[in-house]
Amino acid sequence: MRARTLAPWLFAFLVGQRLLELRLARANERWARERGAVEHGREHYPLFFLLHPAWMLGLLWEGRRARSGVNPAALGLFVLAQPLRSWVIRTLGRYWNTRILIVPGGERVTGGPFRYVRHPNYAVVALEIAAGPLAVGAWRTALAGTLLNAALLLLVRLPAEERALRAYQDSPPQG
């Protein structure tokens, strides 16, 4: 007999969470663009819309077939990531987005989790991408998701975000 799995529940939670976050991100994007925000890294943005749904579907598919049941340590890490994710979003407020938007006259956020980690949202997402699938025995999804996310972040997203922040900091104030 196959062990019971939390994969469908975890998948449903992630879908709901991500849809709510996309709604918030769109509202924040409108707010930022109304204030003259400039987007950076637009060319790589669709890659996240391939990676995240593929990762969630992998968690569901592989997790439903896993024979190992629930991994309490991995589930604990996944659960721990959720208040950290909320902390990042609350700290950034209107500046939180799924895109790289630089708002003229905006201040770089250095409070909350940003006091400890330069890019805490990416750290939380990396933790989720590994721990979520491992919690339901989907180790292949955890490995593939972690490697693809790391490559995308380290080689594409972080350099684009750092370039955008440097360009903004180096430009003279307008007005």
Protein backbone atom coordinates (compact mmCIF):
# COMPACT_ATOMS: atom_id res chain seq x y z
CA MET A 1 0.00 0.00 0.00
CA ARG A 2 1.27 3.45 -0.92
CA ALA A 3 1.88 6.00 1.85
CA ARG A 4 -0.52 8.94 2.07
CA THR A 5 0.83 12.12 0.59
CA LEU A 6 0.36 15.79 1.21
CA ALA A 7 1.34 16.58 -2.39
CA PRO A 8 -2.15 17.62 -3.58
CA TRP A 9 -2.63 19.82 -0.50
CA LEU A 10 0.80 21.40 -0.85
CA PHE A 11 0.18 21.96 -4.56
CA ALA A 12 -3.19 23.60 -3.85
CA PHE A 13 -1.59 25.81 -1.20
CA LEU A 14 1.17 26.89 -3.60
CA VAL A 15 -1.26 27.62 -6.45
CA GLY A 16 -3.45 29.73 -4.18
CA GLN A 17 -0.48 31.53 -2.66
CA ARG A 18 1.12 32.28 -6.01
CA LEU A 19 -2.16 33.54 -7.52
CA LEU A 20 -2.70 35.90 -4.58
CA GLU A 21 0.88 37.10 -4.88
CA LEU A 22 0.51 37.71 -8.61
CA ARG A 23 -2.54 39.82 -7.87
CA LEU A 24 -0.54 41.85 -5.34
CA ALA A 25 2.41 42.09 -7.73
CA ARG A 26 0.18 43.45 -10.49
CA ALA A 27 -1.28 46.09 -8.17
CA ASN A 28 2.24 47.04 -7.05
CA GLU A 29 3.39 47.11 -10.67
CA ARG A 30 0.61 49.55 -11.58
CA TRP A 31 1.56 51.73 -8.59
CA ALA A 32 5.25 51.67 -9.58
CA ARG A 33 4.61 52.41 -13.27
CA GLU A 34 2.35 55.33 -12.33
CA ARG A 35 5.42 56.75 -10.58
CA GLY A 36 7.64 56.30 -13.62
CA ALA A 37 9.19 52.92 -12.79
CA VAL A 38 11.57 51.48 -15.34
CA GLU A 39 11.60 47.71 -15.85
CA HIS A 40 14.85 45.80 -16.13
CA GLY A 41 15.38 42.16 -17.09
CA ARG A 42 12.13 41.89 -19.01
CA GLU A 43 13.67 39.37 -21.41
CA HIS A 44 14.17 36.72 -18.72
CA TYR A 45 10.86 37.23 -16.91
CA PRO A 46 8.97 34.50 -18.86
CA LEU A 47 11.50 31.93 -17.66
CA PHE A 48 10.06 32.25 -14.14
CA PHE A 49 6.61 31.50 -15.54
CA LEU A 50 8.01 28.27 -16.93
CA LEU A 51 10.06 27.28 -13.90
CA HIS A 52 7.53 27.85 -11.11
CA PRO A 53 4.51 26.08 -12.63
CA ALA A 54 6.75 23.22 -13.82
CA TRP A 55 8.17 22.91 -10.30
CA MET A 56 4.70 22.91 -8.72
CA LEU A 57 3.41 20.32 -11.22
CA GLY A 58 6.52 18.21 -10.59
CA LEU A 59 5.88 18.39 -6.84
CA LEU A 60 2.31 17.19 -7.42
CA TRP A 61 3.09 14.50 -9.96
CA GLU A 62 6.18 13.02 -8.32
CA GLY A 63 4.85 13.56 -4.80
CA ARG A 64 1.68 11.57 -5.53
CA ARG A 65 3.80 8.64 -6.71
CA ALA A 66 6.35 8.74 -3.89
CA ARG A 67 6.31 5.83 -1.47
CA SER A 68 8.14 7.60 1.31
CA GLY A 69 5.27 9.57 2.85
CA VAL A 70 5.86 12.93 4.50
CA ASN A 71 9.38 14.10 5.41
CA PRO A 72 8.78 16.08 8.63
CA ALA A 73 12.12 17.96 8.52
CA ALA A 74 11.56 19.17 4.94
CA LEU A 75 7.94 20.03 5.71
CA GLY A 76 9.14 22.02 8.73
CA LEU A 77 11.56 23.99 6.54
CA PHE A 78 8.82 24.65 4.02
CA VAL A 79 6.47 25.86 6.75
CA LEU A 80 9.26 28.03 8.22
CA ALA A 81 9.72 29.68 4.81
CA GLN A 82 6.15 30.99 4.78
CA PRO A 83 6.43 33.65 7.52
CA LEU A 84 9.82 34.59 6.09
CA ARG A 85 8.17 35.11 2.69
CA SER A 86 5.48 37.28 4.30
CA TRP A 87 8.15 39.27 6.17
CA VAL A 88 9.92 40.07 2.89
CA ILE A 89 6.69 41.12 1.17
CA ARG A 90 5.58 43.27 4.13
CA THR A 91 9.02 44.89 4.40
CA LEU A 92 9.08 45.83 0.72
CA GLY A 93 5.47 47.01 0.78
CA ARG A 94 4.53 48.66 -2.52
CA TYR A 95 8.01 47.92 -3.87
CA TRP A 96 7.49 44.15 -3.75
CA ASN A 97 7.06 42.74 -7.22
CA THR A 98 7.82 39.75 -9.38
CA ARG A 99 9.50 42.08 -11.87
CA ILE A 100 12.59 44.27 -11.55
CA LEU A 101 11.04 47.72 -11.37
CA ILE A 102 13.08 50.73 -10.30
CA VAL A 103 10.92 53.61 -9.07
CA PRO A 104 12.56 57.05 -9.51
CA GLY A 105 13.06 58.67 -6.15
CA GLY A 106 12.54 55.38 -4.36
CA GLU A 107 14.72 54.31 -1.48
CA ARG A 108 16.53 51.00 -1.34
CA VAL A 109 14.96 48.90 1.40
CA THR A 110 17.47 47.93 4.08
CA GLY A 111 15.20 47.04 7.01
CA GLY A 112 13.54 43.81 8.03
CA PRO A 113 15.19 40.73 6.53
CA PHE A 114 17.27 42.97 4.26
CA ARG A 115 19.41 43.79 7.30
CA TYR A 116 20.64 40.20 7.26
CA VAL A 117 20.46 39.06 3.63
CA ARG A 118 20.86 41.17 0.50
CA HIS A 119 18.16 39.27 -1.45
CA PRO A 120 16.00 37.51 1.15
CA ASN A 121 13.13 36.77 -1.23
CA TYR A 122 15.40 34.68 -3.43
CA ALA A 123 16.72 32.83 -0.38
CA VAL A 124 13.15 32.03 0.71
CA VAL A 125 12.17 30.86 -2.79
CA ALA A 126 15.28 28.65 -2.95
CA LEU A 127 14.29 27.11 0.39
CA GLU A 128 10.73 26.50 -0.84
CA ILE A 129 11.88 24.99 -4.12
CA ALA A 130 14.02 22.45 -2.29
CA ALA A 131 11.94 21.79 0.83
CA GLY A 132 8.45 21.62 -0.71
CA PRO A 133 9.11 18.65 -2.98
CA LEU A 134 11.33 16.93 -0.41
CA ALA A 135 8.46 17.17 2.08
CA VAL A 136 6.40 14.88 -0.16
CA GLY A 137 9.18 12.61 -1.42
CA ALA A 138 9.63 14.37 -4.77
CA TRP A 139 13.42 14.44 -4.67
CA ARG A 140 13.88 14.65 -8.45
CA THR A 141 11.68 17.74 -8.57
CA ALA A 142 13.60 19.23 -5.63
CA LEU A 143 16.92 18.60 -7.37
CA ALA A 144 15.87 19.81 -10.83
CA GLY A 145 14.00 22.83 -9.44
CA THR A 146 16.90 23.80 -7.20
CA LEU A 147 19.47 23.53 -9.99
CA LEU A 148 17.35 25.42 -12.53
CA ASN A 149 16.39 28.09 -10.01
CA ALA A 150 20.03 28.53 -8.94
CA ALA A 151 21.18 28.84 -12.54
CA LEU A 152 18.44 31.33 -13.38
CA LEU A 153 19.06 33.38 -10.25
CA LEU A 154 22.84 33.37 -10.24
CA LEU A 155 23.39 33.73 -13.97
CA VAL A 156 20.45 35.89 -15.02
CA ARG A 157 18.17 37.45 -12.39
CA LEU A 158 20.62 38.64 -9.72
CA PRO A 159 23.03 40.21 -12.21
CA ALA A 160 20.11 42.01 -13.91
CA GLU A 161 18.80 43.28 -10.58
CA GLU A 162 22.23 44.40 -9.40
CA ARG A 163 22.84 46.24 -12.71
CA ALA A 164 19.47 47.99 -12.35
CA LEU A 165 20.20 49.04 -8.78
CA ARG A 166 23.69 50.28 -9.71
CA ALA A 167 22.37 52.24 -12.69
CA TYR A 168 19.78 53.88 -10.47
CA GLN A 169 22.27 54.69 -7.71
CA ASP A 170 24.82 56.07 -10.16
CA SER A 171 22.37 58.34 -12.00
CA PRO A 172 22.06 61.96 -10.89
CA PRO A 173 18.78 62.96 -9.25
CA GLN A 174 16.23 64.40 -11.67
CA GLY A 175 14.17 67.46 -11.03
